[in-house]
Amino acid sequence: MGDFENKTDEWQGEVKETVGDATDNEDLQAEGAAEKVKARTKQTFEDAKDNLEDATDAAKDKIRSTLD
């Protein structure tokens, strides 16, 4: 679910930034840009967490198979 939420947040930031560009609203541009960065950062950390969990599971499986 995190991937979907992060993509939605990133898209919302993109919309705000675009509307800010179209209306010359620097505050809205900055808010949109910040939301995009936040969503991308959250996604990066979630990906890293998933990769770490996968590596940990693989290591556990290897240890188990060695002990059997």
Protein backbone atom coordinates (compact mmCIF):
# COMPACT_ATOMS: atom_id res chain seq x y z
CA MET A 1 0.00 0.00 0.00
CA GLY A 2 2.95 2.31 0.66
CA ASP A 3 3.96 2.39 -3.00
CA PHE A 4 0.50 3.54 -4.04
CA GLU A 5 0.31 6.18 -1.30
CA ASN A 6 3.76 7.52 -2.16
CA LYS A 7 2.91 7.71 -5.86
CA THR A 8 -0.33 9.50 -5.01
CA ASP A 9 1.52 11.99 -2.81
CA GLU A 10 4.12 12.52 -5.54
CA TRP A 11 1.38 13.10 -8.12
CA GLN A 12 -0.40 15.59 -5.83
CA GLY A 13 2.87 17.45 -5.38
CA GLU A 14 3.33 17.53 -9.14
CA VAL A 15 -0.17 18.97 -9.59
CA LYS A 16 0.44 21.67 -6.97
CA GLU A 17 3.77 22.56 -8.52
CA THR A 18 2.21 22.76 -11.99
CA VAL A 19 -0.67 24.92 -10.78
CA GLY A 20 1.84 27.10 -8.95
CA ASP A 21 3.82 27.47 -12.19
CA ALA A 22 0.69 28.36 -14.15
CA THR A 23 -0.47 30.94 -11.61
CA ASP A 24 2.98 32.28 -10.67
CA ASN A 25 2.30 31.21 -7.08
CA GLU A 26 5.75 30.57 -5.65
CA ASP A 27 4.37 29.23 -2.36
CA LEU A 28 2.32 26.59 -4.18
CA GLN A 29 5.29 25.73 -6.40
CA ALA A 30 7.50 25.23 -3.35
CA GLU A 31 4.84 23.23 -1.51
CA GLY A 32 4.39 20.93 -4.51
CA ALA A 33 8.11 20.45 -4.94
CA ALA A 34 8.50 19.66 -1.23
CA GLU A 35 5.68 17.10 -1.36
CA LYS A 36 7.32 15.37 -4.33
CA VAL A 37 10.66 15.18 -2.52
CA LYS A 38 8.99 13.86 0.63
CA ALA A 39 7.11 11.16 -1.29
CA ARG A 40 10.23 10.09 -3.19
CA THR A 41 12.27 9.98 0.02
CA LYS A 42 9.64 7.86 1.76
CA GLN A 43 9.61 5.49 -1.21
CA THR A 44 13.40 5.21 -1.18
CA PHE A 45 13.39 4.26 2.50
CA GLU A 46 10.56 1.76 1.98
CA ASP A 47 12.48 0.18 -0.91
CA ALA A 48 15.62 -0.04 1.24
CA LYS A 49 13.62 -1.63 4.07
CA ASP A 50 12.11 -4.18 1.68
CA ASN A 51 15.56 -5.00 0.26
CA LEU A 52 16.98 -5.45 3.75
CA GLU A 53 14.10 -7.75 4.72
CA ASP A 54 14.64 -9.80 1.55
CA ALA A 55 18.36 -10.10 2.23
CA THR A 56 17.71 -11.09 5.84
CA ASP A 57 15.20 -13.74 4.78
CA ALA A 58 17.65 -15.10 2.20
CA ALA A 59 20.40 -15.29 4.82
CA LYS A 60 18.09 -17.08 7.26
CA ASP A 61 17.09 -19.59 4.56
CA LYS A 62 20.75 -20.23 3.70
CA ILE A 63 21.61 -20.80 7.36
CA ARG A 64 18.66 -23.11 7.82
CA SER A 65 19.56 -25.16 4.75
CA THR A 66 23.17 -25.42 5.93
CA LEU A 67 22.08 -26.66 9.36
CA ASP A 68 19.69 -29.27 7.94
